[in-house]
C-alpha atoms as a PDB file:
ATOM      1  CA  MET A   1      40.999 110.333 296.902  1.00  0.00           C
ATOM      2  CA  PRO A   2      40.750 114.127 296.392  1.00  0.00           C
ATOM      3  CA  ALA A   3      38.029 115.933 298.314  1.00  0.00           C
ATOM      4  CA  LEU A   4      34.852 116.509 296.342  1.00  0.00           C
ATOM      5  CA  LYS A   5      33.924 119.918 295.009  1.00  0.00           C
ATOM      6  CA  ILE A   6      30.166 120.447 294.937  1.00  0.00           C
ATOM      7  CA  LEU A   7      28.104 123.325 293.582  1.00  0.00           C
ATOM      8  CA  ILE A   8      24.448 123.909 294.500  1.00  0.00           C
ATOM      9  CA  VAL A   9      22.208 126.037 292.303  1.00  0.00           C
ATOM     10  CA  ARG A  10      19.192 127.234 294.282  1.00  0.00           C
ATOM     11  CA  VAL A  11      18.669 130.911 293.620  1.00  0.00           C
ATOM     12  CA  SER A  12      15.295 131.669 295.264  1.00  0.00           C
ATOM     13  CA  SER A  13      12.908 132.174 297.014  1.00  0.00           C
ATOM     14  CA  LEU A  14      13.618 132.959 300.676  1.00  0.00           C
ATOM     15  CA  GLY A  15      11.724 130.023 302.186  1.00  0.00           C
ATOM     16  CA  ASP A  16      12.987 127.610 299.533  1.00  0.00           C
ATOM     17  CA  VAL A  17      16.582 128.709 300.131  1.00  0.00           C
ATOM     18  CA  VAL A  18      16.156 127.973 303.851  1.00  0.00           C
ATOM     19  CA  HIS A  19      14.573 124.598 303.085  1.00  0.00           C
ATOM     20  CA  ASN A  20      17.601 123.717 300.928  1.00  0.00           C
ATOM     21  CA  MET A  21      20.028 124.039 303.861  1.00  0.00           C
ATOM     22  CA  PRO A  22      19.533 120.523 305.308  1.00  0.00           C
ATOM     23  CA  MET A  23      20.823 119.151 301.986  1.00  0.00           C
ATOM     24  CA  VAL A  24      24.106 120.996 302.622  1.00  0.00           C
ATOM     25  CA  SER A  25      24.269 119.581 306.133  1.00  0.00           C
ATOM     26  CA  ASP A  26      23.730 116.064 304.766  1.00  0.00           C
ATOM     27  CA  LEU A  27      26.499 116.506 302.198  1.00  0.00           C
ATOM     28  CA  HIS A  28      28.941 117.712 304.832  1.00  0.00           C
ATOM     29  CA  ARG A  29      28.023 114.900 307.228  1.00  0.00           C
ATOM     30  CA  HIS A  30      28.652 112.223 304.580  1.00  0.00           C
ATOM     31  CA  PHE A  31      31.615 113.980 302.920  1.00  0.00           C
ATOM     32  CA  PRO A  32      33.210 116.144 305.633  1.00  0.00           C
ATOM     33  CA  ASP A  33      36.170 117.123 303.432  1.00  0.00           C
ATOM     34  CA  ALA A  34      33.990 118.301 300.527  1.00  0.00           C
ATOM     35  CA  SER A  35      34.006 121.924 299.395  1.00  0.00           C
ATOM     36  CA  ILE A  36      30.412 123.095 298.949  1.00  0.00           C
ATOM     37  CA  ASP A  37      29.588 126.290 297.042  1.00  0.00           C
ATOM     38  CA  TRP A  38      26.154 127.803 296.384  1.00  0.00           C
ATOM     39  CA  VAL A  39      24.722 130.073 293.667  1.00  0.00           C
ATOM     40  CA  VAL A  40      21.898 132.206 295.098  1.00  0.00           C
ATOM     41  CA  GLU A  41      20.087 135.476 294.413  1.00  0.00           C
ATOM     42  CA  GLU A  42      22.038 138.393 295.856  1.00  0.00           C
ATOM     43  CA  ALA A  43      19.264 139.202 298.380  1.00  0.00           C
ATOM     44  CA  TYR A  44      19.918 135.893 300.177  1.00  0.00           C
ATOM     45  CA  VAL A  45      23.730 135.822 300.123  1.00  0.00           C
ATOM     46  CA  GLU A  46      24.155 136.855 303.761  1.00  0.00           C
ATOM     47  CA  LEU A  47      21.612 134.251 304.838  1.00  0.00           C
ATOM     48  CA  VAL A  48      23.388 131.405 303.023  1.00  0.00           C
ATOM     49  CA  ARG A  49      26.697 132.503 304.555  1.00  0.00           C
ATOM     50  CA  LEU A  50      25.265 131.645 307.971  1.00  0.00           C
ATOM     51  CA  HIS A  51      25.502 127.941 307.118  1.00  0.00           C
ATOM     52  CA  PRO A  52      28.960 126.856 308.334  1.00  0.00           C
ATOM     53  CA  ASP A  53      29.328 124.109 305.710  1.00  0.00           C
ATOM     54  CA  VAL A  54      29.057 126.482 302.727  1.00  0.00           C
ATOM     55  CA  ARG A  55      32.545 127.467 301.603  1.00  0.00           C
ATOM     56  CA  ARG A  56      31.705 130.078 298.975  1.00  0.00           C
ATOM     57  CA  VAL A  57      28.520 131.913 297.997  1.00  0.00           C
ATOM     58  CA  ILE A  58      28.242 133.127 294.398  1.00  0.00           C
ATOM     59  CA  PRO A  59      25.746 136.030 294.113  1.00  0.00           C
ATOM     60  CA  PHE A  60      23.293 135.944 291.195  1.00  0.00           C
ATOM     61  CA  ALA A  61      21.449 139.185 290.451  1.00  0.00           C
ATOM     62  CA  LEU A  62      19.171 138.408 287.516  1.00  0.00           C
ATOM     63  CA  ARG A  63      16.229 140.295 289.043  1.00  0.00           C
ATOM     64  CA  ARG A  64      18.290 143.482 289.065  1.00  0.00           C
ATOM     65  CA  TRP A  65      20.313 142.842 285.901  1.00  0.00           C
ATOM     66  CA  ARG A  66      17.299 142.400 283.641  1.00  0.00           C
ATOM     67  CA  LYS A  67      16.213 145.971 284.425  1.00  0.00           C
ATOM     68  CA  SER A  68      19.367 147.331 282.777  1.00  0.00           C
ATOM     69  CA  LEU A  69      20.769 144.631 280.499  1.00  0.00           C
ATOM     70  CA  LEU A  70      22.266 147.167 278.082  1.00  0.00           C
ATOM     71  CA  SER A  71      24.255 149.133 280.659  1.00  0.00           C
ATOM     72  CA  ALA A  72      28.021 148.715 280.848  1.00  0.00           C
ATOM     73  CA  ALA A  73      27.893 148.268 284.625  1.00  0.00           C
ATOM     74  CA  THR A  74      25.389 145.414 284.357  1.00  0.00           C
ATOM     75  CA  ARG A  75      27.383 143.681 281.637  1.00  0.00           C
ATOM     76  CA  ALA A  76      30.522 143.966 283.778  1.00  0.00           C
ATOM     77  CA  GLU A  77      28.702 142.424 286.763  1.00  0.00           C
ATOM     78  CA  MET A  78      27.401 139.586 284.622  1.00  0.00           C
ATOM     79  CA  ALA A  79      30.884 138.906 283.277  1.00  0.00           C
ATOM     80  CA  ASP A  80      32.281 138.856 286.824  1.00  0.00           C
ATOM     81  CA  PHE A  81      29.536 136.433 287.884  1.00  0.00           C
ATOM     82  CA  LEU A  82      30.443 134.097 285.016  1.00  0.00           C
ATOM     83  CA  ARG A  83      34.131 134.264 286.020  1.00  0.00           C
ATOM     84  CA  GLN A  84      33.235 133.268 289.566  1.00  0.00           C
ATOM     85  CA  LEU A  85      30.962 130.484 288.342  1.00  0.00           C
ATOM     86  CA  ARG A  86      33.740 129.065 286.146  1.00  0.00           C
ATOM     87  CA  SER A  87      36.696 129.769 288.432  1.00  0.00           C
ATOM     88  CA  GLU A  88      37.125 126.105 289.387  1.00  0.00           C
ATOM     89  CA  PRO A  89      35.800 122.711 288.296  1.00  0.00           C
ATOM     90  CA  TYR A  90      33.111 120.873 290.247  1.00  0.00           C
ATOM     91  CA  ASP A  91      32.696 117.133 290.624  1.00  0.00           C
ATOM     92  CA  TYR A  92      28.943 117.469 291.244  1.00  0.00           C
ATOM     93  CA  ILE A  93      26.586 120.281 290.338  1.00  0.00           C
ATOM     94  CA  PHE A  94      23.049 120.118 291.739  1.00  0.00           C
ATOM     95  CA  ASP A  95      20.099 122.149 290.501  1.00  0.00           C
ATOM     96  CA  THR A  96      17.456 121.750 293.207  1.00  0.00           C
ATOM     97  CA  GLN A  97      15.087 124.389 291.821  1.00  0.00           C
ATOM     98  CA  GLY A  98      14.213 122.754 288.512  1.00  0.00           C
ATOM     99  CA  LEU A  99      13.841 125.809 286.283  1.00  0.00           C
ATOM    100  CA  PHE A 100      15.265 126.388 282.827  1.00  0.00           C
ATOM    101  CA  LYS A 101      17.305 129.340 284.152  1.00  0.00           C
ATOM    102  CA  THR A 102      18.788 127.300 287.023  1.00  0.00           C
ATOM    103  CA  GLY A 103      19.556 124.446 284.636  1.00  0.00           C
ATOM    104  CA  ALA A 104      21.305 126.926 282.355  1.00  0.00           C
ATOM    105  CA  LEU A 105      23.366 128.176 285.306  1.00  0.00           C
ATOM    106  CA  MET A 106      24.323 124.579 286.019  1.00  0.00           C
ATOM    107  CA  GLN A 107      25.438 124.208 282.395  1.00  0.00           C
ATOM    108  CA  MET A 108      27.517 127.402 282.532  1.00  0.00           C
ATOM    109  CA  ALA A 109      29.435 126.264 285.624  1.00  0.00           C
ATOM    110  CA  ARG A 110      32.727 124.478 285.062  1.00  0.00           C
ATOM    111  CA  LEU A 111      32.513 120.702 285.371  1.00  0.00           C
ATOM    112  CA  ALA A 112      35.470 118.499 286.311  1.00  0.00           C
ATOM    113  CA  PRO A 113      36.407 115.577 284.044  1.00  0.00           C
ATOM    114  CA  ASN A 114      33.890 112.795 284.683  1.00  0.00           C
ATOM    115  CA  GLY A 115      31.813 115.274 286.714  1.00  0.00           C
ATOM    116  CA  CYS A 116      28.048 115.038 287.039  1.00  0.00           C
ATOM    117  CA  ARG A 117      25.162 117.481 286.719  1.00  0.00           C
ATOM    118  CA  ALA A 118      22.017 116.367 288.546  1.00  0.00           C
ATOM    119  CA  GLY A 119      18.555 117.657 289.292  1.00  0.00           C
ATOM    120  CA  LEU A 120      14.880 116.840 289.624  1.00  0.00           C
ATOM    121  CA  ALA A 121      13.243 114.460 287.151  1.00  0.00           C
ATOM    122  CA  ASN A 122       9.700 115.676 287.767  1.00  0.00           C
ATOM    123  CA  ALA A 123       7.496 118.276 289.395  1.00  0.00           C
ATOM    124  CA  THR A 124       5.825 117.968 292.742  1.00  0.00           C
ATOM    125  CA  GLU A 125       2.246 119.161 293.086  1.00  0.00           C
ATOM    126  CA  ASP A 126       1.859 122.951 292.983  1.00  0.00           C
ATOM    127  CA  SER A 127       5.524 123.541 292.098  1.00  0.00           C
ATOM    128  CA  GLY A 128       7.004 125.812 289.457  1.00  0.00           C
ATOM    129  CA  TYR A 129       9.161 123.017 288.021  1.00  0.00           C
ATOM    130  CA  GLU A 130      10.028 123.287 284.318  1.00  0.00           C
ATOM    131  CA  GLY A 131      10.585 119.939 282.604  1.00  0.00           C
ATOM    132  CA  LEU A 132      12.957 121.490 280.062  1.00  0.00           C
ATOM    133  CA  SER A 133      15.505 121.807 282.871  1.00  0.00           C
ATOM    134  CA  ARG A 134      16.258 118.090 282.452  1.00  0.00           C
ATOM    135  CA  ILE A 135      18.207 118.744 279.240  1.00  0.00           C
ATOM    136  CA  PHE A 136      21.075 120.029 281.419  1.00  0.00           C
ATOM    137  CA  HIS A 137      21.263 116.898 283.620  1.00  0.00           C
ATOM    138  CA  HIS A 138      23.415 113.804 283.492  1.00  0.00           C
ATOM    139  CA  ILE A 139      21.159 112.336 286.200  1.00  0.00           C
ATOM    140  CA  SER A 140      17.526 113.276 286.840  1.00  0.00           C
ATOM    141  CA  VAL A 141      16.169 112.040 290.170  1.00  0.00           C
ATOM    142  CA  PRO A 142      12.428 111.274 290.491  1.00  0.00           C
ATOM    143  CA  VAL A 143      10.641 112.359 293.660  1.00  0.00           C
ATOM    144  CA  GLY A 144       7.146 111.731 295.008  1.00  0.00           C
ATOM    145  CA  LEU A 145       4.384 114.096 293.952  1.00  0.00           C
ATOM    146  CA  ARG A 146       3.956 115.216 297.568  1.00  0.00           C
ATOM    147  CA  THR A 147       7.552 115.435 298.704  1.00  0.00           C
ATOM    148  CA  HIS A 148       8.249 118.140 301.291  1.00  0.00           C
ATOM    149  CA  GLY A 149      10.466 121.034 300.185  1.00  0.00           C
ATOM    150  CA  VAL A 150      13.174 120.044 302.678  1.00  0.00           C
ATOM    151  CA  THR A 151      13.108 116.369 301.728  1.00  0.00           C
ATOM    152  CA  ARG A 152      13.082 116.897 297.962  1.00  0.00           C
ATOM    153  CA  SER A 153      16.562 118.396 297.674  1.00  0.00           C
ATOM    154  CA  ARG A 154      17.944 115.953 300.240  1.00  0.00           C
ATOM    155  CA  GLU A 155      16.679 113.020 298.149  1.00  0.00           C
ATOM    156  CA  VAL A 156      18.322 114.344 294.986  1.00  0.00           C
ATOM    157  CA  ALA A 157      21.766 114.547 296.604  1.00  0.00           C
ATOM    158  CA  ALA A 158      21.380 111.204 298.377  1.00  0.00           C
ATOM    159  CA  ALA A 159      20.355 109.363 295.198  1.00  0.00           C
ATOM    160  CA  VAL A 160      23.307 110.721 293.233  1.00  0.00           C
ATOM    161  CA  LEU A 161      25.963 110.250 295.927  1.00  0.00           C
ATOM    162  CA  GLY A 162      24.765 106.915 297.274  1.00  0.00           C
ATOM    163  CA  TYR A 163      23.629 107.540 300.837  1.00  0.00           C
ATOM    164  CA  GLN A 164      20.270 107.389 302.615  1.00  0.00           C
ATOM    165  CA  VAL A 165      18.276 110.360 303.860  1.00  0.00           C
ATOM    166  CA  ASP A 166      17.861 109.883 307.615  1.00  0.00           C
ATOM    167  CA  GLY A 167      15.556 111.482 310.188  1.00  0.00           C
ATOM    168  CA  ARG A 168      17.881 114.332 311.111  1.00  0.00           C
ATOM    169  CA  VAL A 169      16.983 117.781 309.805  1.00  0.00           C
ATOM    170  CA  GLU A 170      19.928 120.155 310.246  1.00  0.00           C
ATOM    171  CA  PHE A 171      19.533 123.756 309.114  1.00  0.00           C
ATOM    172  CA  LYS A 172      22.635 125.028 310.939  1.00  0.00           C
ATOM    173  CA  LEU A 173      21.563 128.667 310.661  1.00  0.00           C
ATOM    174  CA  GLY A 174      24.340 130.311 312.627  1.00  0.00           C
ATOM    175  CA  THR A 175      24.418 133.766 314.184  1.00  0.00           C
ATOM    176  CA  PRO A 176      26.301 136.476 312.258  1.00  0.00           C
ATOM    177  CA  GLN A 177      29.176 138.140 314.076  1.00  0.00           C
ATOM    178  CA  PRO A 178      28.568 140.875 314.929  1.00  0.00           C
ATOM    179  CA  GLU A 179      24.835 140.246 315.046  1.00  0.00           C
ATOM    180  CA  PRO A 180      22.801 143.150 313.605  1.00  0.00           C
ATOM    181  CA  VAL A 181      20.286 143.554 316.436  1.00  0.00           C
ATOM    182  CA  PRO A 182      17.860 146.316 315.421  1.00  0.00           C
ATOM    183  CA  ALA A 183      17.361 149.330 317.665  1.00  0.00           C
ATOM    184  CA  CYS A 184      13.623 148.551 317.660  1.00  0.00           C
ATOM    185  CA  LEU A 185      14.151 145.450 319.849  1.00  0.00           C
ATOM    186  CA  PRO A 186      11.541 145.695 322.632  1.00  0.00           C
ATOM    187  CA  ASP A 187      12.516 145.440 326.297  1.00  0.00           C
ATOM    188  CA  VAL A 188       9.383 143.366 327.037  1.00  0.00           C
ATOM    189  CA  PRO A 189       8.223 139.913 325.800  1.00  0.00           C
ATOM    190  CA  PHE A 190       7.017 140.158 322.227  1.00  0.00           C
ATOM    191  CA  ALA A 191       5.495 138.212 319.359  1.00  0.00           C
ATOM    192  CA  MET A 192       6.394 138.609 315.691  1.00  0.00           C
ATOM    193  CA  LEU A 193       3.341 138.509 313.401  1.00  0.00           C
ATOM    194  CA  PHE A 194       4.310 137.819 309.787  1.00  0.00           C
ATOM    195  CA  HIS A 195       1.025 138.918 308.263  1.00  0.00           C
ATOM    196  CA  ALA A 196       2.210 139.783 304.743  1.00  0.00           C
ATOM    197  CA  THR A 197       2.704 137.546 301.727  1.00  0.00           C
ATOM    198  CA  ALA A 198       3.046 138.026 297.986  1.00  0.00           C
ATOM    199  CA  ARG A 199      -0.303 136.444 297.131  1.00  0.00           C
ATOM    200  CA  ALA A 200      -3.449 137.925 298.671  1.00  0.00           C
ATOM    201  CA  ALA A 201      -5.195 134.545 298.966  1.00  0.00           C
ATOM    202  CA  LYS A 202      -2.445 133.349 301.340  1.00  0.00           C
ATOM    203  CA  ARG A 203      -3.210 136.125 303.840  1.00  0.00           C
ATOM    204  CA  TRP A 204      -5.107 135.540 307.072  1.00  0.00           C
ATOM    205  CA  SER A 205      -8.050 137.844 307.793  1.00  0.00           C
ATOM    206  CA  ASP A 206      -7.389 141.197 309.445  1.00  0.00           C
ATOM    207  CA  ASP A 207     -10.091 140.510 312.042  1.00  0.00           C
ATOM    208  CA  SER A 208      -8.305 137.316 313.088  1.00  0.00           C
ATOM    209  CA  TRP A 209      -4.962 139.102 313.421  1.00  0.00           C
ATOM    210  CA  VAL A 210      -6.562 141.813 315.566  1.00  0.00           C
ATOM    211  CA  GLU A 211      -8.246 139.357 317.902  1.00  0.00           C
ATOM    212  CA  LEU A 212      -5.086 137.261 318.168  1.00  0.00           C
ATOM    213  CA  ALA A 213      -3.148 140.398 319.115  1.00  0.00           C
ATOM    214  CA  GLN A 214      -5.685 141.079 321.874  1.00  0.00           C
ATOM    215  CA  HIS A 215      -5.151 137.550 323.181  1.00  0.00           C
ATOM    216  CA  LEU A 216      -1.376 138.005 323.146  1.00  0.00           C
ATOM    217  CA  ALA A 217      -1.712 141.352 324.942  1.00  0.00           C
ATOM    218  CA  ALA A 218      -3.617 139.573 327.689  1.00  0.00           C
ATOM    219  CA  ARG A 219      -0.597 137.278 327.989  1.00  0.00           C
ATOM    220  CA  GLY A 220       1.654 140.323 328.461  1.00  0.00           C
ATOM    221  CA  MET A 221       3.172 140.372 324.979  1.00  0.00           C
ATOM    222  CA  ARG A 222       3.783 143.218 322.614  1.00  0.00           C
ATOM    223  CA  VAL A 223       3.099 142.553 318.922  1.00  0.00           C
ATOM    224  CA  LEU A 224       5.627 143.486 316.218  1.00  0.00           C
ATOM    225  CA  LEU A 225       4.405 143.955 312.639  1.00  0.00           C
ATOM    226  CA  PRO A 226       7.134 143.699 309.978  1.00  0.00           C
ATOM    227  CA  TRP A 227       6.738 144.584 306.296  1.00  0.00           C
ATOM    228  CA  GLY A 228       8.749 144.422 303.095  1.00  0.00           C
ATOM    229  CA  ASN A 229       7.213 146.843 300.586  1.00  0.00           C
ATOM    230  CA  PRO A 230       4.833 149.848 300.560  1.00  0.00           C
ATOM    231  CA  ALA A 231       1.696 147.701 300.228  1.00  0.00           C
ATOM    232  CA  GLU A 232       2.753 145.573 303.201  1.00  0.00           C
ATOM    233  CA  LEU A 233       3.554 148.722 305.196  1.00  0.00           C
ATOM    234  CA  GLN A 234       0.043 149.987 304.563  1.00  0.00           C
ATOM    235  CA  ALA A 235      -1.382 146.622 305.656  1.00  0.00           C
ATOM    236  CA  ALA A 236       0.728 146.759 308.839  1.00  0.00           C
ATOM    237  CA  ASN A 237      -0.457 150.291 309.598  1.00  0.00           C
ATOM    238  CA  ASN A 238      -4.075 149.238 309.068  1.00  0.00           C
ATOM    239  CA  LEU A 239      -3.660 146.386 311.543  1.00  0.00           C
ATOM    240  CA  ALA A 240      -1.803 148.527 314.062  1.00  0.00           C
ATOM    241  CA  ALA A 241      -4.618 151.080 314.045  1.00  0.00           C
ATOM    242  CA  ARG A 242      -6.848 148.358 315.496  1.00  0.00           C
ATOM    243  CA  MET A 243      -4.323 146.905 317.969  1.00  0.00           C
ATOM    244  CA  ASP A 244      -3.454 148.545 321.285  1.00  0.00           C
ATOM    245  CA  ASN A 245      -0.271 146.529 321.847  1.00  0.00           C
ATOM    246  CA  SER A 246       1.359 146.666 318.407  1.00  0.00           C
ATOM    247  CA  VAL A 247       4.436 148.281 316.885  1.00  0.00           C
ATOM    248  CA  VAL A 248       4.944 148.680 313.136  1.00  0.00           C
ATOM    249  CA  LEU A 249       8.630 147.993 312.611  1.00  0.00           C
ATOM    250  CA  PRO A 250      10.893 150.151 310.483  1.00  0.00           C
ATOM    251  CA  LYS A 251      12.289 148.583 307.330  1.00  0.00           C
ATOM    252  CA  ILE A 252      14.625 145.788 308.474  1.00  0.00           C
ATOM    253  CA  SER A 253      16.985 143.401 306.700  1.00  0.00           C
ATOM    254  CA  VAL A 254      16.682 139.616 306.684  1.00  0.00           C
ATOM    255  CA  LEU A 255      19.517 139.371 309.218  1.00  0.00           C
ATOM    256  CA  GLU A 256      17.828 141.918 311.483  1.00  0.00           C
ATOM    257  CA  ALA A 257      14.613 139.895 311.201  1.00  0.00           C
ATOM    258  CA  LEU A 258      16.584 136.818 312.281  1.00  0.00           C
ATOM    259  CA  ALA A 259      17.866 138.677 315.335  1.00  0.00           C
ATOM    260  CA  LEU A 260      14.299 139.559 316.335  1.00  0.00           C
ATOM    261  CA  ILE A 261      13.030 136.020 315.659  1.00  0.00           C
ATOM    262  CA  ARG A 262      15.737 134.563 317.915  1.00  0.00           C
ATOM    263  CA  ARG A 263      14.525 136.816 320.756  1.00  0.00           C
ATOM    264  CA  ALA A 264      10.766 136.562 320.195  1.00  0.00           C
ATOM    265  CA  THR A 265       8.595 134.733 322.691  1.00  0.00           C
ATOM    266  CA  LEU A 266       6.400 133.612 319.789  1.00  0.00           C
ATOM    267  CA  VAL A 267       6.255 133.857 316.004  1.00  0.00           C
ATOM    268  CA  VAL A 268       2.957 133.576 314.129  1.00  0.00           C
ATOM    269  CA  GLY A 269       3.000 133.842 310.363  1.00  0.00           C
ATOM    270  CA  VAL A 270       1.444 132.905 307.078  1.00  0.00           C
ATOM    271  CA  ASP A 271       3.213 130.732 304.493  1.00  0.00           C
ATOM    272  CA  THR A 272       6.146 133.033 303.824  1.00  0.00           C
ATOM    273  CA  GLY A 273       9.932 132.959 304.012  1.00  0.00           C
ATOM    274  CA  LEU A 274      10.433 134.613 307.404  1.00  0.00           C
ATOM    275  CA  THR A 275       7.901 132.283 309.033  1.00  0.00           C
ATOM    276  CA  HIS A 276       9.875 129.334 307.629  1.00  0.00           C
ATOM    277  CA  ILE A 277      13.098 130.837 308.989  1.00  0.00           C
ATOM    278  CA  SER A 278      11.540 130.900 312.460  1.00  0.00           C
ATOM    279  CA  ALA A 279      10.602 127.233 312.104  1.00  0.00           C
ATOM    280  CA  ALA A 280      14.115 126.409 310.863  1.00  0.00           C
ATOM    281  CA  LEU A 281      15.562 128.083 313.949  1.00  0.00           C
ATOM    282  CA  GLY A 282      13.347 125.940 316.158  1.00  0.00           C
ATOM    283  CA  ARG A 283      11.614 128.945 317.664  1.00  0.00           C
ATOM    284  CA  PRO A 284       8.059 128.698 319.049  1.00  0.00           C
ATOM    285  CA  THR A 285       6.259 129.094 315.727  1.00  0.00           C
ATOM    286  CA  ILE A 286       2.670 128.881 314.489  1.00  0.00           C
ATOM    287  CA  GLU A 287       2.463 128.509 310.713  1.00  0.00           C
ATOM    288  CA  LEU A 288      -0.837 129.567 309.130  1.00  0.00           C
ATOM    289  CA  TYR A 289      -1.779 127.992 305.785  1.00  0.00           C
ATOM    290  CA  CYS A 290      -4.693 129.819 304.160  1.00  0.00           C
ATOM    291  CA  ASP A 291      -4.386 128.970 300.470  1.00  0.00           C
ATOM    292  CA  SER A 292      -1.257 126.885 299.972  1.00  0.00           C
ATOM    293  CA  PRO A 293      -0.558 123.167 300.531  1.00  0.00           C
ATOM    294  CA  ARG A 294       0.618 122.530 304.084  1.00  0.00           C
ATOM    295  CA  TRP A 295       2.430 119.287 303.225  1.00  0.00           C
ATOM    296  CA  LYS A 296       4.841 121.195 301.012  1.00  0.00           C
ATOM    297  CA  THR A 297       6.551 123.404 303.621  1.00  0.00           C
ATOM    298  CA  GLU A 298       5.170 122.686 307.109  1.00  0.00           C
ATOM    299  CA  GLY A 299       7.697 122.443 309.906  1.00  0.00           C
ATOM    300  CA  PHE A 300       7.790 118.818 311.081  1.00  0.00           C
ATOM    301  CA  TRP A 301      11.138 118.751 312.902  1.00  0.00           C
ATOM    302  CA  SER A 302      10.355 120.364 316.261  1.00  0.00           C
ATOM    303  CA  PRO A 303       7.591 120.237 318.902  1.00  0.00           C
ATOM    304  CA  GLN A 304       7.923 124.030 319.035  1.00  0.00           C
ATOM    305  CA  ILE A 305       6.142 124.303 315.656  1.00  0.00           C
ATOM    306  CA  VAL A 306       2.372 124.095 315.138  1.00  0.00           C
ATOM    307  CA  ASN A 307       0.939 124.037 311.593  1.00  0.00           C
ATOM    308  CA  LEU A 308      -2.654 125.145 310.990  1.00  0.00           C
ATOM    309  CA  GLY A 309      -4.936 125.292 307.936  1.00  0.00           C
ATOM    310  CA  ASP A 310      -4.419 124.112 304.371  1.00  0.00           C
ATOM    311  CA  THR A 311      -5.275 125.040 300.801  1.00  0.00           C
ATOM    312  CA  GLY A 312      -8.635 126.769 300.818  1.00  0.00           C
ATOM    313  CA  THR A 313      -9.228 126.125 304.528  1.00  0.00           C
ATOM    314  CA  PRO A 314      -7.699 128.972 306.550  1.00  0.00           C
ATOM    315  CA  PRO A 315      -7.226 128.309 310.256  1.00  0.00           C
ATOM    316  CA  THR A 316      -9.798 129.706 312.641  1.00  0.00           C
ATOM    317  CA  LEU A 317      -9.029 132.142 315.414  1.00  0.00           C
ATOM    318  CA  THR A 318      -9.985 129.449 317.920  1.00  0.00           C
ATOM    319  CA  GLU A 319      -7.386 127.094 316.430  1.00  0.00           C
ATOM    320  CA  ALA A 320      -4.712 129.791 316.535  1.00  0.00           C
ATOM    321  CA  ILE A 321      -5.401 130.633 320.184  1.00  0.00           C
ATOM    322  CA  ALA A 322      -5.291 126.943 321.062  1.00  0.00           C
ATOM    323  CA  ALA A 323      -1.949 126.684 319.232  1.00  0.00           C
ATOM    324  CA  VAL A 324      -0.566 129.571 321.301  1.00  0.00           C
ATOM    325  CA  ALA A 325      -1.378 127.578 324.427  1.00  0.00           C
ATOM    326  CA  THR A 326       0.167 124.430 322.916  1.00  0.00           C
ATOM    327  CA  VAL A 327       3.432 126.208 322.138  1.00  0.00           C
ATOM    328  CA  LEU A 328       3.767 128.452 325.185  1.00  0.00           C
ATOM    329  CA  ASP A 329       2.111 126.444 327.960  1.00  0.00           C
ATOM    330  CA  HIS A 330       3.715 123.076 327.278  1.00  0.00           C
ATOM    331  CA  PRO A 331       5.670 121.802 330.312  1.00  0.00           C
ATOM    332  CA  SER A 332       9.232 123.179 330.178  1.00  0.00           C
ATOM    333  CA  GLY A 333       8.304 125.139 327.062  1.00  0.00           C
ATOM    334  CA  GLU A 334      10.040 128.315 328.217  1.00  0.00           C
ATOM    335  CA  ARG A 335      13.178 126.348 329.083  1.00  0.00           C
ATOM    336  CA  ARG A 336      13.234 124.698 325.644  1.00  0.00           C
ATOM    337  CA  ALA A 337      12.702 128.053 323.954  1.00  0.00           C
ATOM    338  CA  ALA A 338      15.756 129.440 325.742  1.00  0.00           C
ATOM    339  CA  ILE A 339      17.852 126.439 324.696  1.00  0.00           C
ATOM    340  CA  PHE A 340      16.825 126.792 321.043  1.00  0.00           C
ATOM    341  CA  THR A 341      17.924 130.424 321.156  1.00  0.00           C
ATOM    342  CA  GLU A 342      21.472 129.407 321.965  1.00  0.00           C
ATOM    343  CA  ILE A 343      22.138 126.547 319.529  1.00  0.00           C
ATOM    344  CA  PRO A 344      21.792 125.945 315.783  1.00  0.00           C
ATOM    345  CA  ALA A 345      18.626 124.200 314.639  1.00  0.00           C
ATOM    346  CA  VAL A 346      19.435 120.469 314.723  1.00  0.00           C
ATOM    347  CA  PHE A 347      16.473 118.139 315.148  1.00  0.00           C
ATOM    348  CA  SER A 348      15.669 114.481 314.694  1.00  0.00           C
ATOM    349  CA  LYS A 349      12.269 113.316 313.550  1.00  0.00           C
ATOM    350  CA  GLU A 350      11.071 111.122 310.737  1.00  0.00           C
ATOM    351  CA  SER A 351       9.480 112.920 307.804  1.00  0.00           C
ATOM    352  CA  PRO A 352       5.703 112.545 307.519  1.00  0.00           C
END
């Protein structure tokens, strides 16, 4: 029987792209000879390439293209994207995002004779799912209303291809070679504080960040404050002005952020993509949920992860400080942290 050719359409966002990676690992484990390709927004191409079971990454640049749809250069890029998308037939095409645009991308891809297009049959709570996406499916897979972001895509593939989702959660986020280690890497123990997020309600209070930084300084750690846009840079500078042990990072890439996360003693962050990357890597991570549902994205696959807060109930400073002790003072915690630095994230735990 010829090896399967599988295409995954999951274009964004950063955290959701990371949470889609265990689906790829499942597919490779059950069909080790399969060729697995992935359509993703161009900003996340290098990240997806870190998964060893992805053969080919097809960059999608709609966010940039729609700013200049009438230009010849944009039209040429779009034509090249379509050529890549249709360069070979796929036996299975999965849309795990559930939007009209991702369903349309699924439809545009080339399907093998007797091939199958599959996706989500319904929304989960607080998701951006668009029911019209089902018109592009041969098979629509129903999922529970409170299905975790990691589990949801895994269940779609398993239902279509006839296997069971087990307790293993394999992200397989490898290390790029050469690894782009930023020059700002401290020569002392440090914590990464991912304070910024797209929605203001998801932010933790500045006072809490400042007091947490003081607690980390007492533990001998420097605090690094990353940012992604001018507003986040201003927020980082405002925090740093009140912290004696902090450094506002220069603009860094996602891969440079990964290099810092791998070397951090601790990562503390709100519900945002880089925090979820830290959890996927199995690093000592405290995830802070201030105004988003914890069940949807919380890290459940490693004892190195502590999840705090929930929609409308931000975690307290006392809870965060207790979580620092839980993560860093656990017996053999430092030894486990060193081990997780050296190997891909592969864990085994039943989903909640």
